[in-house]
Amino acid sequence: TALLFTTKKGKQIQDRIVDAYDEVKGSVKDTLSESKQKIEEGVDQAT
């Protein structure tokens, strides 16, 4: 929504899209890492 209503040039919009993608990608990796850690801790406790 922010990108659609912006008045910036095409290259700037592309850069913002790439930045947003990288941010989401990092967030997903962090969440997956935390989930993996919680699962491993649960398995260790169960063992």
PDB file of all heavy atoms in Angstrom:
ATOM      1  N   THR A   1       0.833  -1.203   0.000  1.00  0.00           N
ATOM      2  CA  THR A   1       0.000   0.000   0.000  1.00  0.00           C
ATOM      3  C   THR A   1       0.868   1.254   0.000  1.00  0.00           C
ATOM      4  O   THR A   1       0.625   2.192  -0.762  1.00  0.00           O
ATOM      5  CB  THR A   1      -0.938   0.007   1.222  1.00  0.00           C
ATOM      6  OG1 THR A   1      -1.749  -1.169   1.188  1.00  0.00           O
ATOM      7  CG2 THR A   1      -1.822   1.242   1.231  1.00  0.00           C
ATOM      8  N   ALA A   2       1.884   1.256   0.834  1.00  0.00           N
ATOM      9  CA  ALA A   2       2.789   2.406   0.886  1.00  0.00           C
ATOM     10  C   ALA A   2       3.500   2.597  -0.452  1.00  0.00           C
ATOM     11  O   ALA A   2       3.663   3.727  -0.925  1.00  0.00           O
ATOM     12  CB  ALA A   2       3.806   2.219   2.005  1.00  0.00           C
ATOM     13  N   LEU A   3       3.889   1.521  -1.066  1.00  0.00           N
ATOM     14  CA  LEU A   3       4.584   1.620  -2.349  1.00  0.00           C
ATOM     15  C   LEU A   3       3.664   2.106  -3.465  1.00  0.00           C
ATOM     16  O   LEU A   3       4.082   2.849  -4.349  1.00  0.00           O
ATOM     17  CB  LEU A   3       5.194   0.272  -2.723  1.00  0.00           C
ATOM     18  CG  LEU A   3       6.364  -0.186  -1.859  1.00  0.00           C
ATOM     19  CD1 LEU A   3       6.767  -1.603  -2.227  1.00  0.00           C
ATOM     20  CD2 LEU A   3       7.540   0.757  -2.013  1.00  0.00           C
ATOM     21  N   LEU A   4       2.417   1.684  -3.418  1.00  0.00           N
ATOM     22  CA  LEU A   4       1.479   2.090  -4.461  1.00  0.00           C
ATOM     23  C   LEU A   4       1.136   3.576  -4.380  1.00  0.00           C
ATOM     24  O   LEU A   4       0.864   4.208  -5.401  1.00  0.00           O
ATOM     25  CB  LEU A   4       0.197   1.264  -4.374  1.00  0.00           C
ATOM     26  CG  LEU A   4       0.326  -0.196  -4.806  1.00  0.00           C
ATOM     27  CD1 LEU A   4      -0.971  -0.944  -4.524  1.00  0.00           C
ATOM     28  CD2 LEU A   4       0.690  -0.304  -6.278  1.00  0.00           C
ATOM     29  N   PHE A   5       1.127   4.118  -3.186  1.00  0.00           N
ATOM     30  CA  PHE A   5       0.734   5.509  -3.017  1.00  0.00           C
ATOM     31  C   PHE A   5       1.926   6.460  -2.895  1.00  0.00           C
ATOM     32  O   PHE A   5       1.771   7.620  -2.568  1.00  0.00           O
ATOM     33  CB  PHE A   5      -0.188   5.664  -1.802  1.00  0.00           C
ATOM     34  CG  PHE A   5      -1.538   5.052  -2.043  1.00  0.00           C
ATOM     35  CD1 PHE A   5      -1.863   3.821  -1.507  1.00  0.00           C
ATOM     36  CD2 PHE A   5      -2.466   5.704  -2.834  1.00  0.00           C
ATOM     37  CE1 PHE A   5      -3.101   3.253  -1.741  1.00  0.00           C
ATOM     38  CE2 PHE A   5      -3.708   5.135  -3.078  1.00  0.00           C
ATOM     39  CZ  PHE A   5      -4.026   3.917  -2.531  1.00  0.00           C
ATOM     40  N   THR A   6       3.081   5.975  -3.181  1.00  0.00           N
ATOM     41  CA  THR A   6       4.267   6.820  -3.096  1.00  0.00           C
ATOM     42  C   THR A   6       4.450   7.611  -4.397  1.00  0.00           C
ATOM     43  O   THR A   6       3.923   7.240  -5.433  1.00  0.00           O
ATOM     44  CB  THR A   6       5.522   5.967  -2.812  1.00  0.00           C
ATOM     45  OG1 THR A   6       6.605   6.825  -2.549  1.00  0.00           O
ATOM     46  CG2 THR A   6       5.857   5.073  -3.967  1.00  0.00           C
ATOM     47  N   THR A   7       5.194   8.675  -4.323  1.00  0.00           N
ATOM     48  CA  THR A   7       5.429   9.495  -5.510  1.00  0.00           C
ATOM     49  C   THR A   7       6.864   9.344  -6.006  1.00  0.00           C
ATOM     50  O   THR A   7       7.331  10.142  -6.806  1.00  0.00           O
ATOM     51  CB  THR A   7       5.174  10.976  -5.190  1.00  0.00           C
ATOM     52  OG1 THR A   7       6.030  11.360  -4.121  1.00  0.00           O
ATOM     53  CG2 THR A   7       3.729  11.198  -4.825  1.00  0.00           C
ATOM     54  N   LYS A   8       7.543   8.324  -5.574  1.00  0.00           N
ATOM     55  CA  LYS A   8       8.942   8.128  -5.934  1.00  0.00           C
ATOM     56  C   LYS A   8       9.066   7.524  -7.328  1.00  0.00           C
ATOM     57  O   LYS A   8       8.127   6.966  -7.876  1.00  0.00           O
ATOM     58  CB  LYS A   8       9.609   7.219  -4.911  1.00  0.00           C
ATOM     59  CG  LYS A   8       9.459   7.718  -3.496  1.00  0.00           C
ATOM     60  CD  LYS A   8      10.703   7.568  -2.749  1.00  0.00           C
ATOM     61  CE  LYS A   8      10.463   8.100  -1.344  1.00  0.00           C
ATOM     62  NZ  LYS A   8      11.565   8.730  -0.811  1.00  0.00           N
ATOM     63  N   LYS A   9      10.251   7.619  -7.881  1.00  0.00           N
ATOM     64  CA  LYS A   9      10.546   7.066  -9.200  1.00  0.00           C
ATOM     65  C   LYS A   9      10.643   5.543  -9.124  1.00  0.00           C
ATOM     66  O   LYS A   9      10.776   4.957  -8.054  1.00  0.00           O
ATOM     67  CB  LYS A   9      11.863   7.635  -9.733  1.00  0.00           C
ATOM     68  CG  LYS A   9      11.835   9.125  -9.891  1.00  0.00           C
ATOM     69  CD  LYS A   9      11.000   9.486 -11.090  1.00  0.00           C
ATOM     70  CE  LYS A   9      11.029  10.998 -11.283  1.00  0.00           C
ATOM     71  NZ  LYS A   9      10.115  11.449 -12.263  1.00  0.00           N
ATOM     72  N   GLY A  10      10.585   4.897 -10.275  1.00  0.00           N
ATOM     73  CA  GLY A  10      10.593   3.433 -10.362  1.00  0.00           C
ATOM     74  C   GLY A  10      11.759   2.766  -9.678  1.00  0.00           C
ATOM     75  O   GLY A  10      11.593   1.772  -8.968  1.00  0.00           O
ATOM     76  N   LYS A  11      12.965   3.269  -9.869  1.00  0.00           N
ATOM     77  CA  LYS A  11      14.154   2.671  -9.258  1.00  0.00           C
ATOM     78  C   LYS A  11      14.088   2.757  -7.743  1.00  0.00           C
ATOM     79  O   LYS A  11      14.441   1.801  -7.034  1.00  0.00           O
ATOM     80  CB  LYS A  11      15.418   3.371  -9.773  1.00  0.00           C
ATOM     81  CG  LYS A  11      16.703   2.808  -9.222  1.00  0.00           C
ATOM     82  CD  LYS A  11      16.907   1.366  -9.629  1.00  0.00           C
ATOM     83  CE  LYS A  11      18.248   0.865  -9.091  1.00  0.00           C
ATOM     84  NZ  LYS A  11      18.321  -0.563  -9.089  1.00  0.00           N
ATOM     85  N   GLN A  12      13.611   3.876  -7.234  1.00  0.00           N
ATOM     86  CA  GLN A  12      13.486   4.024  -5.784  1.00  0.00           C
ATOM     87  C   GLN A  12      12.452   3.044  -5.235  1.00  0.00           C
ATOM     88  O   GLN A  12      12.637   2.479  -4.156  1.00  0.00           O
ATOM     89  CB  GLN A  12      13.101   5.458  -5.441  1.00  0.00           C
ATOM     90  CG  GLN A  12      14.217   6.454  -5.723  1.00  0.00           C
ATOM     91  CD  GLN A  12      13.741   7.885  -5.585  1.00  0.00           C
ATOM     92  OE1 GLN A  12      12.592   8.198  -5.885  1.00  0.00           O
ATOM     93  NE2 GLN A  12      14.635   8.757  -5.124  1.00  0.00           N
ATOM     94  N   ILE A  13      11.372   2.854  -5.967  1.00  0.00           N
ATOM     95  CA  ILE A  13      10.347   1.895  -5.533  1.00  0.00           C
ATOM     96  C   ILE A  13      10.915   0.486  -5.540  1.00  0.00           C
ATOM     97  O   ILE A  13      10.688  -0.288  -4.610  1.00  0.00           O
ATOM     98  CB  ILE A  13       9.085   1.999  -6.421  1.00  0.00           C
ATOM     99  CG1 ILE A  13       8.396   3.342  -6.179  1.00  0.00           C
ATOM    100  CG2 ILE A  13       8.125   0.844  -6.141  1.00  0.00           C
ATOM    101  CD1 ILE A  13       7.226   3.605  -7.106  1.00  0.00           C
ATOM    102  N   GLN A  14      11.684   0.153  -6.576  1.00  0.00           N
ATOM    103  CA  GLN A  14      12.308  -1.170  -6.629  1.00  0.00           C
ATOM    104  C   GLN A  14      13.239  -1.382  -5.441  1.00  0.00           C
ATOM    105  O   GLN A  14      13.263  -2.461  -4.843  1.00  0.00           O
ATOM    106  CB  GLN A  14      13.075  -1.337  -7.938  1.00  0.00           C
ATOM    107  CG  GLN A  14      12.191  -1.444  -9.154  1.00  0.00           C
ATOM    108  CD  GLN A  14      12.986  -1.463 -10.450  1.00  0.00           C
ATOM    109  OE1 GLN A  14      14.200  -1.266 -10.447  1.00  0.00           O
ATOM    110  NE2 GLN A  14      12.292  -1.684 -11.558  1.00  0.00           N
ATOM    111  N   ASP A  15      13.993  -0.359  -5.118  1.00  0.00           N
ATOM    112  CA  ASP A  15      14.898  -0.466  -3.972  1.00  0.00           C
ATOM    113  C   ASP A  15      14.128  -0.679  -2.675  1.00  0.00           C
ATOM    114  O   ASP A  15      14.538  -1.478  -1.824  1.00  0.00           O
ATOM    115  CB  ASP A  15      15.768   0.794  -3.855  1.00  0.00           C
ATOM    116  CG  ASP A  15      16.795   0.907  -4.975  1.00  0.00           C
ATOM    117  OD1 ASP A  15      17.086  -0.119  -5.627  1.00  0.00           O
ATOM    118  OD2 ASP A  15      17.289   2.032  -5.200  1.00  0.00           O
ATOM    119  N   ARG A  16      13.021   0.010  -2.541  1.00  0.00           N
ATOM    120  CA  ARG A  16      12.202  -0.160  -1.333  1.00  0.00           C
ATOM    121  C   ARG A  16      11.607  -1.556  -1.272  1.00  0.00           C
ATOM    122  O   ARG A  16      11.495  -2.151  -0.195  1.00  0.00           O
ATOM    123  CB  ARG A  16      11.100   0.893  -1.283  1.00  0.00           C
ATOM    124  CG  ARG A  16      11.662   2.289  -0.960  1.00  0.00           C
ATOM    125  CD  ARG A  16      10.600   3.321  -0.865  1.00  0.00           C
ATOM    126  NE  ARG A  16       9.737   3.070   0.299  1.00  0.00           N
ATOM    127  CZ  ARG A  16       8.637   3.752   0.542  1.00  0.00           C
ATOM    128  NH1 ARG A  16       8.267   4.733  -0.273  1.00  0.00           N
ATOM    129  NH2 ARG A  16       7.924   3.489   1.608  1.00  0.00           N
ATOM    130  N   ILE A  17      11.202  -2.097  -2.424  1.00  0.00           N
ATOM    131  CA  ILE A  17      10.655  -3.454  -2.462  1.00  0.00           C
ATOM    132  C   ILE A  17      11.729  -4.453  -2.035  1.00  0.00           C
ATOM    133  O   ILE A  17      11.472  -5.360  -1.240  1.00  0.00           O
ATOM    134  CB  ILE A  17      10.103  -3.797  -3.862  1.00  0.00           C
ATOM    135  CG1 ILE A  17       8.832  -2.990  -4.129  1.00  0.00           C
ATOM    136  CG2 ILE A  17       9.809  -5.291  -3.982  1.00  0.00           C
ATOM    137  CD1 ILE A  17       8.315  -3.104  -5.553  1.00  0.00           C
ATOM    138  N   VAL A  18      12.929  -4.285  -2.553  1.00  0.00           N
ATOM    139  CA  VAL A  18      14.037  -5.176  -2.188  1.00  0.00           C
ATOM    140  C   VAL A  18      14.326  -5.072  -0.696  1.00  0.00           C
ATOM    141  O   VAL A  18      14.527  -6.093  -0.014  1.00  0.00           O
ATOM    142  CB  VAL A  18      15.299  -4.862  -3.024  1.00  0.00           C
ATOM    143  CG1 VAL A  18      16.516  -5.590  -2.482  1.00  0.00           C
ATOM    144  CG2 VAL A  18      15.075  -5.214  -4.484  1.00  0.00           C
ATOM    145  N   ASP A  19      14.351  -3.862  -0.166  1.00  0.00           N
ATOM    146  CA  ASP A  19      14.587  -3.675   1.264  1.00  0.00           C
ATOM    147  C   ASP A  19      13.499  -4.343   2.107  1.00  0.00           C
ATOM    148  O   ASP A  19      13.789  -5.002   3.105  1.00  0.00           O
ATOM    149  CB  ASP A  19      14.670  -2.187   1.617  1.00  0.00           C
ATOM    150  CG  ASP A  19      15.914  -1.517   1.051  1.00  0.00           C
ATOM    151  OD1 ASP A  19      16.870  -2.237   0.677  1.00  0.00           O
ATOM    152  OD2 ASP A  19      15.923  -0.265   0.977  1.00  0.00           O
ATOM    153  N   ALA A  20      12.254  -4.173   1.697  1.00  0.00           N
ATOM    154  CA  ALA A  20      11.137  -4.788   2.427  1.00  0.00           C
ATOM    155  C   ALA A  20      11.233  -6.308   2.358  1.00  0.00           C
ATOM    156  O   ALA A  20      11.006  -7.004   3.359  1.00  0.00           O
ATOM    157  CB  ALA A  20       9.801  -4.316   1.856  1.00  0.00           C
ATOM    158  N   TYR A  21      11.594  -6.824   1.188  1.00  0.00           N
ATOM    159  CA  TYR A  21      11.750  -8.276   1.034  1.00  0.00           C
ATOM    160  C   TYR A  21      12.847  -8.793   1.958  1.00  0.00           C
ATOM    161  O   TYR A  21      12.676  -9.801   2.632  1.00  0.00           O
ATOM    162  CB  TYR A  21      12.079  -8.626  -0.423  1.00  0.00           C
ATOM    163  CG  TYR A  21      12.485 -10.062  -0.616  1.00  0.00           C
ATOM    164  CD1 TYR A  21      11.523 -11.076  -0.635  1.00  0.00           C
ATOM    165  CD2 TYR A  21      13.820 -10.418  -0.753  1.00  0.00           C
ATOM    166  CE1 TYR A  21      11.892 -12.395  -0.794  1.00  0.00           C
ATOM    167  CE2 TYR A  21      14.194 -11.735  -0.909  1.00  0.00           C
ATOM    168  CZ  TYR A  21      13.228 -12.719  -0.936  1.00  0.00           C
ATOM    169  OH  TYR A  21      13.592 -14.028  -1.082  1.00  0.00           O
ATOM    170  N   ASP A  22      13.972  -8.095   1.980  1.00  0.00           N
ATOM    171  CA  ASP A  22      15.077  -8.513   2.844  1.00  0.00           C
ATOM    172  C   ASP A  22      14.682  -8.483   4.313  1.00  0.00           C
ATOM    173  O   ASP A  22      15.058  -9.370   5.089  1.00  0.00           O
ATOM    174  CB  ASP A  22      16.303  -7.626   2.618  1.00  0.00           C
ATOM    175  CG  ASP A  22      16.961  -7.872   1.263  1.00  0.00           C
ATOM    176  OD1 ASP A  22      16.730  -8.943   0.668  1.00  0.00           O
ATOM    177  OD2 ASP A  22      17.702  -6.969   0.798  1.00  0.00           O
ATOM    178  N   GLU A  23      13.912  -7.483   4.696  1.00  0.00           N
ATOM    179  CA  GLU A  23      13.459  -7.379   6.086  1.00  0.00           C
ATOM    180  C   GLU A  23      12.528  -8.541   6.453  1.00  0.00           C
ATOM    181  O   GLU A  23      12.675  -9.164   7.501  1.00  0.00           O
ATOM    182  CB  GLU A  23      12.738  -6.049   6.294  1.00  0.00           C
ATOM    183  CG  GLU A  23      12.324  -5.802   7.727  1.00  0.00           C
ATOM    184  CD  GLU A  23      11.657  -4.446   7.897  1.00  0.00           C
ATOM    185  OE1 GLU A  23      12.053  -3.495   7.197  1.00  0.00           O
ATOM    186  OE2 GLU A  23      10.747  -4.357   8.732  1.00  0.00           O
ATOM    187  N   VAL A  24      11.582  -8.840   5.574  1.00  0.00           N
ATOM    188  CA  VAL A  24      10.659  -9.952   5.822  1.00  0.00           C
ATOM    189  C   VAL A  24      11.419 -11.271   5.829  1.00  0.00           C
ATOM    190  O   VAL A  24      11.178 -12.142   6.674  1.00  0.00           O
ATOM    191  CB  VAL A  24       9.516  -9.969   4.771  1.00  0.00           C
ATOM    192  CG1 VAL A  24       8.713 -11.247   4.865  1.00  0.00           C
ATOM    193  CG2 VAL A  24       8.615  -8.767   4.948  1.00  0.00           C
ATOM    194  N   LYS A  25      12.346 -11.419   4.903  1.00  0.00           N
ATOM    195  CA  LYS A  25      13.152 -12.645   4.840  1.00  0.00           C
ATOM    196  C   LYS A  25      13.918 -12.848   6.148  1.00  0.00           C
ATOM    197  O   LYS A  25      13.947 -13.959   6.690  1.00  0.00           O
ATOM    198  CB  LYS A  25      14.115 -12.554   3.653  1.00  0.00           C
ATOM    199  CG  LYS A  25      14.973 -13.769   3.447  1.00  0.00           C
ATOM    200  CD  LYS A  25      15.868 -13.557   2.222  1.00  0.00           C
ATOM    201  CE  LYS A  25      16.900 -14.646   2.083  1.00  0.00           C
ATOM    202  NZ  LYS A  25      17.804 -14.390   0.949  1.00  0.00           N
ATOM    203  N   GLY A  26      14.528 -11.784   6.653  1.00  0.00           N
ATOM    204  CA  GLY A  26      15.252 -11.876   7.918  1.00  0.00           C
ATOM    205  C   GLY A  26      14.332 -12.215   9.073  1.00  0.00           C
ATOM    206  O   GLY A  26      14.675 -13.023   9.939  1.00  0.00           O
ATOM    207  N   SER A  27      13.147 -11.627   9.069  1.00  0.00           N
ATOM    208  CA  SER A  27      12.176 -11.899  10.126  1.00  0.00           C
ATOM    209  C   SER A  27      11.733 -13.360  10.101  1.00  0.00           C
ATOM    210  O   SER A  27      11.619 -14.001  11.148  1.00  0.00           O
ATOM    211  CB  SER A  27      10.969 -10.978   9.965  1.00  0.00           C
ATOM    212  OG  SER A  27       9.976 -11.291  10.897  1.00  0.00           O
ATOM    213  N   VAL A  28      11.496 -13.876   8.914  1.00  0.00           N
ATOM    214  CA  VAL A  28      11.080 -15.286   8.784  1.00  0.00           C
ATOM    215  C   VAL A  28      12.203 -16.203   9.248  1.00  0.00           C
ATOM    216  O   VAL A  28      11.957 -17.178   9.974  1.00  0.00           O
ATOM    217  CB  VAL A  28      10.668 -15.600   7.329  1.00  0.00           C
ATOM    218  CG1 VAL A  28      10.498 -17.091   7.116  1.00  0.00           C
ATOM    219  CG2 VAL A  28       9.383 -14.870   6.976  1.00  0.00           C
ATOM    220  N   LYS A  29      13.435 -15.893   8.870  1.00  0.00           N
ATOM    221  CA  LYS A  29      14.567 -16.716   9.311  1.00  0.00           C
ATOM    222  C   LYS A  29      14.683 -16.708  10.829  1.00  0.00           C
ATOM    223  O   LYS A  29      14.931 -17.745  11.443  1.00  0.00           O
ATOM    224  CB  LYS A  29      15.861 -16.220   8.683  1.00  0.00           C
ATOM    225  CG  LYS A  29      16.046 -16.648   7.255  1.00  0.00           C
ATOM    226  CD  LYS A  29      17.413 -16.229   6.732  1.00  0.00           C
ATOM    227  CE  LYS A  29      17.620 -16.705   5.309  1.00  0.00           C
ATOM    228  NZ  LYS A  29      18.965 -16.344   4.808  1.00  0.00           N
ATOM    229  N   ASP A  30      14.518 -15.537  11.440  1.00  0.00           N
ATOM    230  CA  ASP A  30      14.592 -15.432  12.897  1.00  0.00           C
ATOM    231  C   ASP A  30      13.499 -16.260  13.563  1.00  0.00           C
ATOM    232  O   ASP A  30      13.740 -16.975  14.527  1.00  0.00           O
ATOM    233  CB  ASP A  30      14.479 -13.974  13.349  1.00  0.00           C
ATOM    234  CG  ASP A  30      15.694 -13.139  12.980  1.00  0.00           C
ATOM    235  OD1 ASP A  30      16.741 -13.723  12.642  1.00  0.00           O
ATOM    236  OD2 ASP A  30      15.580 -11.893  13.029  1.00  0.00           O
ATOM    237  N   THR A  31      12.287 -16.154  13.019  1.00  0.00           N
ATOM    238  CA  THR A  31      11.164 -16.900  13.584  1.00  0.00           C
ATOM    239  C   THR A  31      11.388 -18.400  13.451  1.00  0.00           C
ATOM    240  O   THR A  31      11.139 -19.156  14.392  1.00  0.00           O
ATOM    241  CB  THR A  31       9.845 -16.499  12.893  1.00  0.00           C
ATOM    242  OG1 THR A  31       9.658 -15.091  13.055  1.00  0.00           O
ATOM    243  CG2 THR A  31       8.668 -17.239  13.485  1.00  0.00           C
ATOM    244  N   LEU A  32      11.872 -18.835  12.302  1.00  0.00           N
ATOM    245  CA  LEU A  32      12.147 -20.255  12.108  1.00  0.00           C
ATOM    246  C   LEU A  32      13.248 -20.735  13.044  1.00  0.00           C
ATOM    247  O   LEU A  32      13.159 -21.833  13.608  1.00  0.00           O
ATOM    248  CB  LEU A  32      12.529 -20.533  10.654  1.00  0.00           C
ATOM    249  CG  LEU A  32      11.409 -20.431   9.634  1.00  0.00           C
ATOM    250  CD1 LEU A  32      11.949 -20.614   8.220  1.00  0.00           C
ATOM    251  CD2 LEU A  32      10.323 -21.452   9.915  1.00  0.00           C
ATOM    252  N   SER A  33      14.264 -19.913  13.230  1.00  0.00           N
ATOM    253  CA  SER A  33      15.347 -20.267  14.130  1.00  0.00           C
ATOM    254  C   SER A  33      14.847 -20.407  15.567  1.00  0.00           C
ATOM    255  O   SER A  33      15.194 -21.365  16.264  1.00  0.00           O
ATOM    256  CB  SER A  33      16.449 -19.207  14.053  1.00  0.00           C
ATOM    257  OG  SER A  33      17.469 -19.486  14.968  1.00  0.00           O
ATOM    258  N   GLU A  34      14.014 -19.462  15.995  1.00  0.00           N
ATOM    259  CA  GLU A  34      13.453 -19.523  17.345  1.00  0.00           C
ATOM    260  C   GLU A  34      12.559 -20.753  17.509  1.00  0.00           C
ATOM    261  O   GLU A  34      12.601 -21.432  18.536  1.00  0.00           O
ATOM    262  CB  GLU A  34      12.657 -18.264  17.645  1.00  0.00           C
ATOM    263  CG  GLU A  34      13.513 -17.024  17.807  1.00  0.00           C
ATOM    264  CD  GLU A  34      12.684 -15.752  17.925  1.00  0.00           C
ATOM    265  OE1 GLU A  34      11.453 -15.836  18.055  1.00  0.00           O
ATOM    266  OE2 GLU A  34      13.288 -14.659  17.874  1.00  0.00           O
ATOM    267  N   SER A  35      11.763 -21.045  16.494  1.00  0.00           N
ATOM    268  CA  SER A  35      10.885 -22.217  16.545  1.00  0.00           C
ATOM    269  C   SER A  35      11.698 -23.499  16.623  1.00  0.00           C
ATOM    270  O   SER A  35      11.384 -24.412  17.389  1.00  0.00           O
ATOM    271  CB  SER A  35       9.973 -22.261  15.324  1.00  0.00           C
ATOM    272  OG  SER A  35       9.130 -21.145  15.298  1.00  0.00           O
ATOM    273  N   LYS A  36      12.751 -23.568  15.825  1.00  0.00           N
ATOM    274  CA  LYS A  36      13.620 -24.746  15.843  1.00  0.00           C
ATOM    275  C   LYS A  36      14.234 -24.933  17.225  1.00  0.00           C
ATOM    276  O   LYS A  36      14.284 -26.051  17.751  1.00  0.00           O
ATOM    277  CB  LYS A  36      14.718 -24.597  14.792  1.00  0.00           C
ATOM    278  CG  LYS A  36      15.659 -25.769  14.729  1.00  0.00           C
ATOM    279  CD  LYS A  36      16.727 -25.559  13.663  1.00  0.00           C
ATOM    280  CE  LYS A  36      17.720 -26.708  13.672  1.00  0.00           C
ATOM    281  NZ  LYS A  36      18.814 -26.489  12.718  1.00  0.00           N
ATOM    282  N   GLN A  37      14.682 -23.832  17.818  1.00  0.00           N
ATOM    283  CA  GLN A  37      15.287 -23.893  19.144  1.00  0.00           C
ATOM    284  C   GLN A  37      14.272 -24.383  20.186  1.00  0.00           C
ATOM    285  O   GLN A  37      14.584 -25.228  21.022  1.00  0.00           O
ATOM    286  CB  GLN A  37      15.833 -22.531  19.546  1.00  0.00           C
ATOM    287  CG  GLN A  37      16.536 -22.518  20.882  1.00  0.00           C
ATOM    288  CD  GLN A  37      17.068 -21.139  21.242  1.00  0.00           C
ATOM    289  OE1 GLN A  37      16.865 -20.175  20.521  1.00  0.00           O
ATOM    290  NE2 GLN A  37      17.743 -21.054  22.366  1.00  0.00           N
ATOM    291  N   LYS A  38      13.044 -23.873  20.115  1.00  0.00           N
ATOM    292  CA  LYS A  38      12.010 -24.299  21.067  1.00  0.00           C
ATOM    293  C   LYS A  38      11.690 -25.775  20.891  1.00  0.00           C
ATOM    294  O   LYS A  38      11.493 -26.497  21.871  1.00  0.00           O
ATOM    295  CB  LYS A  38      10.742 -23.466  20.877  1.00  0.00           C
ATOM    296  CG  LYS A  38      10.865 -22.062  21.404  1.00  0.00           C
ATOM    297  CD  LYS A  38       9.580 -21.281  21.204  1.00  0.00           C
ATOM    298  CE  LYS A  38       9.699 -19.865  21.695  1.00  0.00           C
ATOM    299  NZ  LYS A  38       8.461 -19.099  21.502  1.00  0.00           N
ATOM    300  N   ILE A  39      11.647 -26.239  19.652  1.00  0.00           N
ATOM    301  CA  ILE A  39      11.368 -27.655  19.396  1.00  0.00           C
ATOM    302  C   ILE A  39      12.491 -28.517  19.947  1.00  0.00           C
ATOM    303  O   ILE A  39      12.241 -29.544  20.597  1.00  0.00           O
ATOM    304  CB  ILE A  39      11.166 -27.897  17.884  1.00  0.00           C
ATOM    305  CG1 ILE A  39       9.852 -27.283  17.433  1.00  0.00           C
ATOM    306  CG2 ILE A  39      11.209 -29.387  17.562  1.00  0.00           C
ATOM    307  CD1 ILE A  39       9.660 -27.250  15.932  1.00  0.00           C
ATOM    308  N   GLU A  40      13.736 -28.106  19.709  1.00  0.00           N
ATOM    309  CA  GLU A  40      14.879 -28.869  20.221  1.00  0.00           C
ATOM    310  C   GLU A  40      14.869 -28.910  21.744  1.00  0.00           C
ATOM    311  O   GLU A  40      15.158 -29.955  22.335  1.00  0.00           O
ATOM    312  CB  GLU A  40      16.189 -28.267  19.708  1.00  0.00           C
ATOM    313  CG  GLU A  40      16.415 -28.516  18.227  1.00  0.00           C
ATOM    314  CD  GLU A  40      17.622 -27.788  17.673  1.00  0.00           C
ATOM    315  OE1 GLU A  40      18.195 -26.915  18.380  1.00  0.00           O
ATOM    316  OE2 GLU A  40      17.991 -28.073  16.517  1.00  0.00           O
ATOM    317  N   GLU A  41      14.531 -27.799  22.379  1.00  0.00           N
ATOM    318  CA  GLU A  41      14.452 -27.772  23.847  1.00  0.00           C
ATOM    319  C   GLU A  41      13.357 -28.708  24.333  1.00  0.00           C
ATOM    320  O   GLU A  41      13.535 -29.431  25.320  1.00  0.00           O
ATOM    321  CB  GLU A  41      14.192 -26.359  24.343  1.00  0.00           C
ATOM    322  CG  GLU A  41      15.370 -25.424  24.186  1.00  0.00           C
ATOM    323  CD  GLU A  41      15.035 -23.977  24.515  1.00  0.00           C
ATOM    324  OE1 GLU A  41      13.869 -23.687  24.856  1.00  0.00           O
ATOM    325  OE2 GLU A  41      15.943 -23.131  24.410  1.00  0.00           O
ATOM    326  N   GLY A  42      12.220 -28.715  23.645  1.00  0.00           N
ATOM    327  CA  GLY A  42      11.125 -29.611  24.019  1.00  0.00           C
ATOM    328  C   GLY A  42      11.514 -31.067  23.869  1.00  0.00           C
ATOM    329  O   GLY A  42      11.192 -31.910  24.714  1.00  0.00           O
ATOM    330  N   VAL A  43      12.220 -31.392  22.790  1.00  0.00           N
ATOM    331  CA  VAL A  43      12.675 -32.769  22.578  1.00  0.00           C
ATOM    332  C   VAL A  43      13.665 -33.163  23.660  1.00  0.00           C
ATOM    333  O   VAL A  43      13.600 -34.272  24.201  1.00  0.00           O
ATOM    334  CB  VAL A  43      13.301 -32.920  21.166  1.00  0.00           C
ATOM    335  CG1 VAL A  43      14.026 -34.244  21.026  1.00  0.00           C
ATOM    336  CG2 VAL A  43      12.239 -32.783  20.096  1.00  0.00           C
ATOM    337  N   ASP A  44      14.584 -32.252  23.990  1.00  0.00           N
ATOM    338  CA  ASP A  44      15.553 -32.534  25.051  1.00  0.00           C
ATOM    339  C   ASP A  44      14.858 -32.796  26.388  1.00  0.00           C
ATOM    340  O   ASP A  44      15.202 -33.738  27.106  1.00  0.00           O
ATOM    341  CB  ASP A  44      16.553 -31.387  25.208  1.00  0.00           C
ATOM    342  CG  ASP A  44      17.550 -31.300  24.062  1.00  0.00           C
ATOM    343  OD1 ASP A  44      17.672 -32.284  23.303  1.00  0.00           O
ATOM    344  OD2 ASP A  44      18.190 -30.235  23.941  1.00  0.00           O
ATOM    345  N   GLN A  45      13.880 -31.968  26.720  1.00  0.00           N
ATOM    346  CA  GLN A  45      13.153 -32.146  27.976  1.00  0.00           C
ATOM    347  C   GLN A  45      12.387 -33.463  27.973  1.00  0.00           C
ATOM    348  O   GLN A  45      12.378 -34.178  28.971  1.00  0.00           O
ATOM    349  CB  GLN A  45      12.196 -30.984  28.207  1.00  0.00           C
ATOM    350  CG  GLN A  45      12.887 -29.690  28.564  1.00  0.00           C
ATOM    351  CD  GLN A  45      11.915 -28.536  28.739  1.00  0.00           C
ATOM    352  OE1 GLN A  45      10.726 -28.657  28.487  1.00  0.00           O
ATOM    353  NE2 GLN A  45      12.440 -27.389  29.158  1.00  0.00           N
ATOM    354  N   ALA A  46      11.758 -33.790  26.861  1.00  0.00           N
ATOM    355  CA  ALA A  46      11.005 -35.039  26.776  1.00  0.00           C
ATOM    356  C   ALA A  46      11.946 -36.233  26.892  1.00  0.00           C
ATOM    357  O   ALA A  46      11.628 -37.226  27.552  1.00  0.00           O
ATOM    358  CB  ALA A  46      10.227 -35.097  25.466  1.00  0.00           C
ATOM    359  N   THR A  47      13.116 -36.133  26.269  1.00  0.00           N
ATOM    360  CA  THR A  47      14.098 -37.218  26.342  1.00  0.00           C
ATOM    361  C   THR A  47      14.592 -37.394  27.773  1.00  0.00           C
ATOM    362  O   THR A  47      14.712 -38.528  28.255  1.00  0.00           O
ATOM    363  CB  THR A  47      15.288 -36.918  25.406  1.00  0.00           C
ATOM    364  OG1 THR A  47      14.800 -36.741  24.084  1.00  0.00           O
ATOM    365  CG2 THR A  47      16.299 -38.027  25.428  1.00  0.00           C
TER     366      THR A  47
END
